[in-house]
Amino acid sequence: MAVYAFGDLQGCAAPLNRLLEKIGFEPGQDRLVFAGDLVNRGPDSAGTLRRIHDLREHCQLVLGNHDIYLLARAAGVLPPKKDDTLEAVLADPQAAQWIEWLRRQDWLARVPGTDWLVVHAGIHPDWDEDTALQQAGYLHDALSGDGWRDFLRMLWAAPAPERWEDCRDEDMRQRFRAAVFTRARLMTAQDRFHWPSEAPAGKSRPWHQLYLARHPQARIVCGHWAAQGLLREERLLALDSGCVWGRQLTAAQLDSATTPAPIWQVDCASAGSRARY
């Protein structure tokens, strides 16, 4: 048995299928872990969701910002944006089944059989593993419950605070949690995040530098940051290697004794790629 983690797919079904073939994935023996952003911007979000949903007994995933956006579109909370490629998902006969499955997924998770945590974007440096999982649990309970549409409406009702200390009520805390797990990139040494990523030059650092410095036993798998590119370190696997932008789709083997973890890649130049990232 092997455990493989994948970077952002964003609707690139053909590269996913080629990478599954390249790693020799065997359903029933191997496990797949997806670091969020399964859909949007790429050419085949419906095909990507169909493939992963069909393999769901062999998969683990966390939600990314584009996955949450799909749920908000399905809930009627948000209108379409110019760059969306979600219409085929929403029109598919399986759409309701996919949405019900997707909204019950995690925002942060341990990867069974390994010492890795998987998140789409980031984790607050003050949160140890148990605290971070508890914070993610509040989001999971809200999105998987009957009031999930109201929860999504609340997330978009106001901007997320940049600091945990600025959260004055539970709605603000939920917006902050959601932003950290699905949108975090840069933050200051004073634990102020920047949404989405703009920050004063020279005054901010990637969230994972601060997190790993404060939690020396932590090992993190994440995505979300194509401009940063692939980072393959002993305690960090940042796997968004920009497939939707015409670069590569990356998978890493989490249960390997090799350090850093072995990786596999396929080229995405023909995946309906965008001209920028």
C-alpha atoms as a PDB file:
ATOM      1  CA  MET A   1       0.000   0.000   0.000  1.00  0.00           C
ATOM      2  CA  ALA A   2       1.168   3.520  -0.820  1.00  0.00           C
ATOM      3  CA  VAL A   3      -0.272   6.939   0.101  1.00  0.00           C
ATOM      4  CA  TYR A   4      -0.020   9.633  -2.568  1.00  0.00           C
ATOM      5  CA  ALA A   5      -0.811  13.330  -2.074  1.00  0.00           C
ATOM      6  CA  PHE A   6      -1.749  15.554  -5.032  1.00  0.00           C
ATOM      7  CA  GLY A   7      -1.523  19.277  -5.593  1.00  0.00           C
ATOM      8  CA  ASP A   8      -4.281  21.487  -6.984  1.00  0.00           C
ATOM      9  CA  LEU A   9      -6.186  19.908  -9.875  1.00  0.00           C
ATOM     10  CA  GLN A  10      -8.539  22.786 -10.732  1.00  0.00           C
ATOM     11  CA  GLY A  11     -10.506  20.831 -13.270  1.00  0.00           C
ATOM     12  CA  CYS A  12      -7.552  19.249 -15.088  1.00  0.00           C
ATOM     13  CA  ALA A  13      -8.941  15.728 -15.387  1.00  0.00           C
ATOM     14  CA  ALA A  14      -6.650  14.483 -18.160  1.00  0.00           C
ATOM     15  CA  PRO A  15      -3.400  15.202 -16.261  1.00  0.00           C
ATOM     16  CA  LEU A  16      -4.924  13.577 -13.167  1.00  0.00           C
ATOM     17  CA  ASN A  17      -5.637  10.408 -15.095  1.00  0.00           C
ATOM     18  CA  ARG A  18      -2.143  10.401 -16.595  1.00  0.00           C
ATOM     19  CA  LEU A  19      -0.544  10.898 -13.180  1.00  0.00           C
ATOM     20  CA  LEU A  20      -2.617   8.091 -11.658  1.00  0.00           C
ATOM     21  CA  GLU A  21      -1.338   5.848 -14.431  1.00  0.00           C
ATOM     22  CA  LYS A  22       2.243   7.037 -13.932  1.00  0.00           C
ATOM     23  CA  ILE A  23       2.284   6.234 -10.194  1.00  0.00           C
ATOM     24  CA  GLY A  24       0.639   2.860 -10.864  1.00  0.00           C
ATOM     25  CA  PHE A  25      -2.338   3.581  -8.610  1.00  0.00           C
ATOM     26  CA  GLU A  26      -4.103   0.402  -7.466  1.00  0.00           C
ATOM     27  CA  PRO A  27      -7.605   0.901  -5.994  1.00  0.00           C
ATOM     28  CA  GLY A  28      -8.031  -1.165  -2.875  1.00  0.00           C
ATOM     29  CA  GLN A  29      -4.305  -1.052  -2.159  1.00  0.00           C
ATOM     30  CA  ASP A  30      -3.242   2.596  -2.479  1.00  0.00           C
ATOM     31  CA  ARG A  31      -4.717   5.761  -0.962  1.00  0.00           C
ATOM     32  CA  LEU A  32      -5.039   9.175  -2.604  1.00  0.00           C
ATOM     33  CA  VAL A  33      -4.929  12.471  -0.711  1.00  0.00           C
ATOM     34  CA  PHE A  34      -6.012  15.705  -2.419  1.00  0.00           C
ATOM     35  CA  ALA A  35      -4.937  19.091  -1.039  1.00  0.00           C
ATOM     36  CA  GLY A  36      -8.026  20.933  -2.254  1.00  0.00           C
ATOM     37  CA  ASP A  37      -9.096  22.953  -5.301  1.00  0.00           C
ATOM     38  CA  LEU A  38     -10.407  20.017  -7.270  1.00  0.00           C
ATOM     39  CA  VAL A  39     -12.362  22.317  -9.574  1.00  0.00           C
ATOM     40  CA  ASN A  40     -12.566  25.564 -11.525  1.00  0.00           C
ATOM     41  CA  ARG A  41     -10.506  27.408 -14.135  1.00  0.00           C
ATOM     42  CA  GLY A  42      -9.438  24.161 -15.835  1.00  0.00           C
ATOM     43  CA  PRO A  43     -11.205  22.517 -18.790  1.00  0.00           C
ATOM     44  CA  ASP A  44     -12.991  19.586 -17.117  1.00  0.00           C
ATOM     45  CA  SER A  45     -14.171  20.200 -13.567  1.00  0.00           C
ATOM     46  CA  ALA A  46     -17.062  17.780 -14.022  1.00  0.00           C
ATOM     47  CA  GLY A  47     -14.741  15.019 -15.206  1.00  0.00           C
ATOM     48  CA  THR A  48     -12.374  15.677 -12.309  1.00  0.00           C
ATOM     49  CA  LEU A  49     -15.145  15.475  -9.720  1.00  0.00           C
ATOM     50  CA  ARG A  50     -16.600  12.371 -11.354  1.00  0.00           C
ATOM     51  CA  ARG A  51     -13.218  10.607 -11.261  1.00  0.00           C
ATOM     52  CA  ILE A  52     -12.505  11.411  -7.618  1.00  0.00           C
ATOM     53  CA  HIS A  53     -16.068  10.709  -6.507  1.00  0.00           C
ATOM     54  CA  ASP A  54     -15.892   7.319  -8.225  1.00  0.00           C
ATOM     55  CA  LEU A  55     -12.692   6.630  -6.246  1.00  0.00           C
ATOM     56  CA  ARG A  56     -14.001   8.129  -2.996  1.00  0.00           C
ATOM     57  CA  GLU A  57     -13.550   4.902  -1.005  1.00  0.00           C
ATOM     58  CA  HIS A  58      -9.826   5.195  -1.718  1.00  0.00           C
ATOM     59  CA  CYS A  59      -9.501   8.978  -1.281  1.00  0.00           C
ATOM     60  CA  GLN A  60      -9.090  11.646   1.359  1.00  0.00           C
ATOM     61  CA  LEU A  61      -9.409  15.328   0.579  1.00  0.00           C
ATOM     62  CA  VAL A  62      -9.559  18.755   2.149  1.00  0.00           C
ATOM     63  CA  LEU A  63     -11.528  21.670   0.775  1.00  0.00           C
ATOM     64  CA  GLY A  64      -9.915  24.543  -1.093  1.00  0.00           C
ATOM     65  CA  ASN A  65     -11.188  28.014  -1.883  1.00  0.00           C
ATOM     66  CA  HIS A  66     -12.435  26.964  -5.335  1.00  0.00           C
ATOM     67  CA  ASP A  67     -14.292  24.002  -3.839  1.00  0.00           C
ATOM     68  CA  ILE A  68     -15.996  26.305  -1.323  1.00  0.00           C
ATOM     69  CA  TYR A  69     -16.822  28.672  -4.165  1.00  0.00           C
ATOM     70  CA  LEU A  70     -18.450  25.811  -6.092  1.00  0.00           C
ATOM     71  CA  LEU A  71     -20.581  25.026  -3.039  1.00  0.00           C
ATOM     72  CA  ALA A  72     -21.575  28.694  -2.764  1.00  0.00           C
ATOM     73  CA  ARG A  73     -22.557  28.714  -6.437  1.00  0.00           C
ATOM     74  CA  ALA A  74     -24.606  25.550  -5.957  1.00  0.00           C
ATOM     75  CA  ALA A  75     -26.304  27.093  -2.906  1.00  0.00           C
ATOM     76  CA  GLY A  76     -27.270  30.201  -4.868  1.00  0.00           C
ATOM     77  CA  VAL A  77     -25.150  32.380  -2.596  1.00  0.00           C
ATOM     78  CA  LEU A  78     -22.837  33.790  -5.305  1.00  0.00           C
ATOM     79  CA  PRO A  79     -23.206  34.683  -8.993  1.00  0.00           C
ATOM     80  CA  PRO A  80     -20.743  33.330 -11.576  1.00  0.00           C
ATOM     81  CA  LYS A  81     -17.432  35.071 -12.177  1.00  0.00           C
ATOM     82  CA  LYS A  82     -15.870  35.737 -15.557  1.00  0.00           C
ATOM     83  CA  ASP A  83     -13.191  33.037 -15.233  1.00  0.00           C
ATOM     84  CA  ASP A  84     -15.466  30.282 -13.885  1.00  0.00           C
ATOM     85  CA  THR A  85     -15.568  26.886 -15.572  1.00  0.00           C
ATOM     86  CA  LEU A  86     -18.231  25.411 -13.300  1.00  0.00           C
ATOM     87  CA  GLU A  87     -21.322  25.384 -15.487  1.00  0.00           C
ATOM     88  CA  ALA A  88     -20.800  21.774 -16.601  1.00  0.00           C
ATOM     89  CA  VAL A  89     -20.521  20.694 -12.962  1.00  0.00           C
ATOM     90  CA  LEU A  90     -23.716  22.460 -11.934  1.00  0.00           C
ATOM     91  CA  ALA A  91     -25.600  21.120 -14.961  1.00  0.00           C
ATOM     92  CA  ASP A  92     -24.435  17.519 -14.562  1.00  0.00           C
ATOM     93  CA  PRO A  93     -27.053  14.920 -13.533  1.00  0.00           C
ATOM     94  CA  GLN A  94     -24.739  13.933 -10.656  1.00  0.00           C
ATOM     95  CA  ALA A  95     -24.318  17.513  -9.417  1.00  0.00           C
ATOM     96  CA  ALA A  96     -26.535  17.161  -6.339  1.00  0.00           C
ATOM     97  CA  GLN A  97     -24.715  13.981  -5.310  1.00  0.00           C
ATOM     98  CA  TRP A  98     -21.314  15.640  -5.744  1.00  0.00           C
ATOM     99  CA  ILE A  99     -22.364  18.708  -3.742  1.00  0.00           C
ATOM    100  CA  GLU A 100     -23.696  16.613  -0.851  1.00  0.00           C
ATOM    101  CA  TRP A 101     -20.449  14.624  -0.792  1.00  0.00           C
ATOM    102  CA  LEU A 102     -18.179  17.633  -1.151  1.00  0.00           C
ATOM    103  CA  ARG A 103     -19.710  19.712   1.637  1.00  0.00           C
ATOM    104  CA  ARG A 104     -19.031  16.903   4.126  1.00  0.00           C
ATOM    105  CA  GLN A 105     -15.277  16.859   3.488  1.00  0.00           C
ATOM    106  CA  ASP A 106     -12.613  18.131   5.868  1.00  0.00           C
ATOM    107  CA  TRP A 107     -10.880  21.511   5.970  1.00  0.00           C
ATOM    108  CA  LEU A 108      -7.788  20.071   7.671  1.00  0.00           C
ATOM    109  CA  ALA A 109      -6.961  16.407   8.275  1.00  0.00           C
ATOM    110  CA  ARG A 110      -4.397  13.962   9.503  1.00  0.00           C
ATOM    111  CA  VAL A 111      -3.323  11.476   6.855  1.00  0.00           C
ATOM    112  CA  PRO A 112      -3.827   7.996   8.390  1.00  0.00           C
ATOM    113  CA  GLY A 113      -0.739   5.839   8.557  1.00  0.00           C
ATOM    114  CA  THR A 114       1.589   8.856   8.300  1.00  0.00           C
ATOM    115  CA  ASP A 115       2.641  11.831  10.419  1.00  0.00           C
ATOM    116  CA  TRP A 116       1.457  14.381   7.830  1.00  0.00           C
ATOM    117  CA  LEU A 117      -1.311  16.984   8.130  1.00  0.00           C
ATOM    118  CA  VAL A 118      -2.995  18.078   4.909  1.00  0.00           C
ATOM    119  CA  VAL A 119      -4.543  21.520   4.378  1.00  0.00           C
ATOM    120  CA  HIS A 120      -5.311  23.510   1.269  1.00  0.00           C
ATOM    121  CA  ALA A 121      -3.742  26.859   2.166  1.00  0.00           C
ATOM    122  CA  GLY A 122      -2.458  27.361   5.713  1.00  0.00           C
ATOM    123  CA  ILE A 123      -2.629  26.946   9.487  1.00  0.00           C
ATOM    124  CA  HIS A 124      -2.344  29.674  12.112  1.00  0.00           C
ATOM    125  CA  PRO A 125       1.119  29.447  13.722  1.00  0.00           C
ATOM    126  CA  ASP A 126      -0.408  29.613  17.206  1.00  0.00           C
ATOM    127  CA  TRP A 127      -2.486  26.480  16.601  1.00  0.00           C
ATOM    128  CA  ASP A 128      -0.867  23.164  17.408  1.00  0.00           C
ATOM    129  CA  GLU A 129      -2.214  20.106  15.619  1.00  0.00           C
ATOM    130  CA  ASP A 130      -5.041  19.379  18.055  1.00  0.00           C
ATOM    131  CA  THR A 131      -6.108  23.037  18.205  1.00  0.00           C
ATOM    132  CA  ALA A 132      -6.021  23.384  14.425  1.00  0.00           C
ATOM    133  CA  LEU A 133      -8.115  20.234  13.968  1.00  0.00           C
ATOM    134  CA  GLN A 134     -10.616  21.572  16.480  1.00  0.00           C
ATOM    135  CA  GLN A 135     -10.832  24.889  14.623  1.00  0.00           C
ATOM    136  CA  ALA A 136     -11.366  23.031  11.345  1.00  0.00           C
ATOM    137  CA  GLY A 137     -14.053  20.955  13.023  1.00  0.00           C
ATOM    138  CA  TYR A 138     -16.183  24.050  13.630  1.00  0.00           C
ATOM    139  CA  LEU A 139     -16.182  24.713   9.888  1.00  0.00           C
ATOM    140  CA  HIS A 140     -16.894  21.074   9.064  1.00  0.00           C
ATOM    141  CA  ASP A 141     -19.882  20.977  11.405  1.00  0.00           C
ATOM    142  CA  ALA A 142     -21.351  24.146   9.895  1.00  0.00           C
ATOM    143  CA  LEU A 143     -20.894  23.137   6.248  1.00  0.00           C
ATOM    144  CA  SER A 144     -22.086  19.552   6.689  1.00  0.00           C
ATOM    145  CA  GLY A 145     -25.175  20.582   8.675  1.00  0.00           C
ATOM    146  CA  ASP A 146     -28.661  21.523   7.533  1.00  0.00           C
ATOM    147  CA  GLY A 147     -27.848  25.242   7.696  1.00  0.00           C
ATOM    148  CA  TRP A 148     -24.963  25.014   5.247  1.00  0.00           C
ATOM    149  CA  ARG A 149     -26.436  27.567   2.828  1.00  0.00           C
ATOM    150  CA  ASP A 150     -26.789  30.146   5.599  1.00  0.00           C
ATOM    151  CA  PHE A 151     -23.230  29.364   6.691  1.00  0.00           C
ATOM    152  CA  LEU A 152     -21.878  30.026   3.194  1.00  0.00           C
ATOM    153  CA  ARG A 153     -23.944  33.206   2.938  1.00  0.00           C
ATOM    154  CA  MET A 154     -22.381  34.367   6.215  1.00  0.00           C
ATOM    155  CA  LEU A 155     -18.839  33.664   4.962  1.00  0.00           C
ATOM    156  CA  TRP A 156     -19.306  36.097   2.078  1.00  0.00           C
ATOM    157  CA  ALA A 157     -21.260  38.699   4.067  1.00  0.00           C
ATOM    158  CA  ALA A 158     -18.120  40.518   5.259  1.00  0.00           C
ATOM    159  CA  PRO A 159     -14.330  40.307   4.837  1.00  0.00           C
ATOM    160  CA  ALA A 160     -12.358  37.938   7.040  1.00  0.00           C
ATOM    161  CA  PRO A 161     -10.353  39.600   9.828  1.00  0.00           C
ATOM    162  CA  GLU A 162      -6.592  39.552   9.357  1.00  0.00           C
ATOM    163  CA  ARG A 163      -5.871  38.546  12.972  1.00  0.00           C
ATOM    164  CA  TRP A 164      -7.483  36.036  15.328  1.00  0.00           C
ATOM    165  CA  GLU A 165      -7.427  38.676  18.055  1.00  0.00           C
ATOM    166  CA  ASP A 166      -9.737  40.882  15.970  1.00  0.00           C
ATOM    167  CA  CYS A 167     -12.537  38.269  15.880  1.00  0.00           C
ATOM    168  CA  ARG A 168     -15.274  39.643  18.154  1.00  0.00           C
ATOM    169  CA  ASP A 169     -17.977  37.022  17.544  1.00  0.00           C
ATOM    170  CA  GLU A 170     -18.423  33.531  16.142  1.00  0.00           C
ATOM    171  CA  ASP A 171     -19.246  34.710  12.608  1.00  0.00           C
ATOM    172  CA  MET A 172     -15.930  36.564  12.487  1.00  0.00           C
ATOM    173  CA  ARG A 173     -14.138  33.544  13.891  1.00  0.00           C
ATOM    174  CA  GLN A 174     -15.668  31.317  11.209  1.00  0.00           C
ATOM    175  CA  ARG A 175     -14.632  33.730   8.452  1.00  0.00           C
ATOM    176  CA  PHE A 176     -11.119  33.824   9.866  1.00  0.00           C
ATOM    177  CA  ARG A 177     -10.880  30.018  10.127  1.00  0.00           C
ATOM    178  CA  ALA A 178     -12.156  29.570   6.575  1.00  0.00           C
ATOM    179  CA  ALA A 179      -9.726  32.162   5.218  1.00  0.00           C
ATOM    180  CA  VAL A 180      -6.721  30.611   6.979  1.00  0.00           C
ATOM    181  CA  PHE A 181      -7.434  27.062   5.822  1.00  0.00           C
ATOM    182  CA  THR A 182      -8.346  27.972   2.236  1.00  0.00           C
ATOM    183  CA  ARG A 183      -6.612  31.281   1.373  1.00  0.00           C
ATOM    184  CA  ALA A 184      -3.542  31.849   3.587  1.00  0.00           C
ATOM    185  CA  ARG A 185      -0.227  32.702   1.966  1.00  0.00           C
ATOM    186  CA  LEU A 186       1.661  35.600   3.546  1.00  0.00           C
ATOM    187  CA  MET A 187       1.606  36.881   7.101  1.00  0.00           C
ATOM    188  CA  THR A 188       3.610  39.196   9.305  1.00  0.00           C
ATOM    189  CA  ALA A 189       5.595  38.221  12.370  1.00  0.00           C
ATOM    190  CA  GLN A 190       2.706  39.743  14.345  1.00  0.00           C
ATOM    191  CA  ASP A 191       0.434  36.990  13.003  1.00  0.00           C
ATOM    192  CA  ARG A 192      -1.486  39.240  10.630  1.00  0.00           C
ATOM    193  CA  PHE A 193      -2.582  37.501   7.429  1.00  0.00           C
ATOM    194  CA  HIS A 194      -3.054  39.212   4.086  1.00  0.00           C
ATOM    195  CA  TRP A 195      -6.105  38.377   1.986  1.00  0.00           C
ATOM    196  CA  PRO A 196      -5.487  37.352  -0.673  1.00  0.00           C
ATOM    197  CA  SER A 197      -1.690  37.758  -0.788  1.00  0.00           C
ATOM    198  CA  GLU A 198      -0.622  41.380  -1.125  1.00  0.00           C
ATOM    199  CA  ALA A 199       1.596  42.555   1.698  1.00  0.00           C
ATOM    200  CA  PRO A 200       4.157  45.299   2.373  1.00  0.00           C
ATOM    201  CA  ALA A 201       7.452  44.378   0.756  1.00  0.00           C
ATOM    202  CA  GLY A 202       9.933  42.850   3.157  1.00  0.00           C
ATOM    203  CA  LYS A 203       7.522  42.705   6.079  1.00  0.00           C
ATOM    204  CA  SER A 204       5.796  39.367   5.462  1.00  0.00           C
ATOM    205  CA  ARG A 205       6.796  35.724   5.234  1.00  0.00           C
ATOM    206  CA  PRO A 206       5.088  32.579   3.974  1.00  0.00           C
ATOM    207  CA  TRP A 207       2.806  31.225   6.680  1.00  0.00           C
ATOM    208  CA  HIS A 208       4.577  27.853   6.684  1.00  0.00           C
ATOM    209  CA  GLN A 209       7.923  29.367   7.691  1.00  0.00           C
ATOM    210  CA  LEU A 210       6.347  30.740  10.856  1.00  0.00           C
ATOM    211  CA  TYR A 211       4.318  27.596  11.503  1.00  0.00           C
ATOM    212  CA  LEU A 212       7.158  25.115  11.145  1.00  0.00           C
ATOM    213  CA  ALA A 213       9.464  27.254  13.286  1.00  0.00           C
ATOM    214  CA  ARG A 214       6.962  27.146  16.154  1.00  0.00           C
ATOM    215  CA  HIS A 215       6.015  23.468  15.716  1.00  0.00           C
ATOM    216  CA  PRO A 216       9.245  21.523  15.125  1.00  0.00           C
ATOM    217  CA  GLN A 217       7.482  18.141  14.889  1.00  0.00           C
ATOM    218  CA  ALA A 218       4.877  19.229  12.337  1.00  0.00           C
ATOM    219  CA  ARG A 219       4.815  17.884   8.788  1.00  0.00           C
ATOM    220  CA  ILE A 220       2.497  19.683   6.367  1.00  0.00           C
ATOM    221  CA  VAL A 221       1.073  18.963   2.923  1.00  0.00           C
ATOM    222  CA  CYS A 222      -0.561  21.973   1.259  1.00  0.00           C
ATOM    223  CA  GLY A 223      -1.459  23.493  -2.101  1.00  0.00           C
ATOM    224  CA  HIS A 224      -2.996  26.829  -3.139  1.00  0.00           C
ATOM    225  CA  TRP A 225       0.155  28.753  -4.111  1.00  0.00           C
ATOM    226  CA  ALA A 226       1.126  28.152  -7.729  1.00  0.00           C
ATOM    227  CA  ALA A 227       3.301  31.274  -7.853  1.00  0.00           C
ATOM    228  CA  GLN A 228       5.411  29.865  -5.016  1.00  0.00           C
ATOM    229  CA  GLY A 229       5.760  26.591  -6.900  1.00  0.00           C
ATOM    230  CA  LEU A 230       6.670  23.130  -5.691  1.00  0.00           C
ATOM    231  CA  LEU A 231       8.436  22.998  -2.304  1.00  0.00           C
ATOM    232  CA  ARG A 232       9.719  19.540  -1.390  1.00  0.00           C
ATOM    233  CA  GLU A 233      11.269  19.587   2.045  1.00  0.00           C
ATOM    234  CA  GLU A 234      11.558  17.158   4.944  1.00  0.00           C
ATOM    235  CA  ARG A 235       8.610  18.710   6.797  1.00  0.00           C
ATOM    236  CA  LEU A 236       6.787  20.569   4.014  1.00  0.00           C
ATOM    237  CA  LEU A 237       5.260  19.450   0.744  1.00  0.00           C
ATOM    238  CA  ALA A 238       3.737  22.443  -1.040  1.00  0.00           C
ATOM    239  CA  LEU A 239       2.351  20.675  -4.093  1.00  0.00           C
ATOM    240  CA  ASP A 240       0.611  23.323  -6.197  1.00  0.00           C
ATOM    241  CA  SER A 241       2.944  23.220  -9.180  1.00  0.00           C
ATOM    242  CA  GLY A 242       0.589  25.166 -11.460  1.00  0.00           C
ATOM    243  CA  CYS A 243      -1.099  22.516 -13.591  1.00  0.00           C
ATOM    244  CA  VAL A 244      -3.958  24.810 -14.600  1.00  0.00           C
ATOM    245  CA  TRP A 245      -1.377  27.409 -15.666  1.00  0.00           C
ATOM    246  CA  GLY A 246       0.326  24.976 -18.053  1.00  0.00           C
ATOM    247  CA  ARG A 247       3.091  23.749 -15.767  1.00  0.00           C
ATOM    248  CA  GLN A 248       2.956  20.389 -13.905  1.00  0.00           C
ATOM    249  CA  LEU A 249       0.669  18.280 -11.758  1.00  0.00           C
ATOM    250  CA  THR A 250       2.571  16.804  -8.812  1.00  0.00           C
ATOM    251  CA  ALA A 251       2.026  13.820  -6.525  1.00  0.00           C
ATOM    252  CA  ALA A 252       4.174  12.895  -3.500  1.00  0.00           C
ATOM    253  CA  GLN A 253       4.356   9.557  -1.677  1.00  0.00           C
ATOM    254  CA  LEU A 254       3.656  10.309   1.985  1.00  0.00           C
ATOM    255  CA  ASP A 255       4.389   6.900   3.463  1.00  0.00           C
ATOM    256  CA  SER A 256       7.857   6.574   1.953  1.00  0.00           C
ATOM    257  CA  ALA A 257      10.913   6.222   4.196  1.00  0.00           C
ATOM    258  CA  THR A 258      12.789   8.451   1.737  1.00  0.00           C
ATOM    259  CA  THR A 259      13.356  12.081   2.812  1.00  0.00           C
ATOM    260  CA  PRO A 260      12.237  14.297   1.247  1.00  0.00           C
ATOM    261  CA  ALA A 261       9.253  12.375  -0.073  1.00  0.00           C
ATOM    262  CA  PRO A 262       9.475  10.990  -3.624  1.00  0.00           C
ATOM    263  CA  ILE A 263       7.481  12.911  -6.222  1.00  0.00           C
ATOM    264  CA  TRP A 264       5.968  12.215  -9.631  1.00  0.00           C
ATOM    265  CA  GLN A 265       4.894  14.814 -12.168  1.00  0.00           C
ATOM    266  CA  VAL A 266       3.132  15.082 -15.509  1.00  0.00           C
ATOM    267  CA  ASP A 267       3.210  18.028 -17.852  1.00  0.00           C
ATOM    268  CA  CYS A 268       0.026  20.088 -18.149  1.00  0.00           C
ATOM    269  CA  ALA A 269       0.847  22.248 -21.152  1.00  0.00           C
ATOM    270  CA  SER A 270      -2.112  20.825 -23.083  1.00  0.00           C
ATOM    271  CA  ALA A 271      -4.573  20.859 -20.171  1.00  0.00           C
ATOM    272  CA  GLY A 272      -6.437  23.960 -21.295  1.00  0.00           C
ATOM    273  CA  SER A 273      -3.937  26.045 -19.380  1.00  0.00           C
ATOM    274  CA  ARG A 274      -4.132  29.717 -18.559  1.00  0.00           C
ATOM    275  CA  ALA A 275      -1.569  32.253 -19.665  1.00  0.00           C
ATOM    276  CA  ARG A 276      -0.801  33.551 -16.179  1.00  0.00           C
ATOM    277  CA  TYR A 277      -0.969  32.636 -12.508  1.00  0.00           C
END
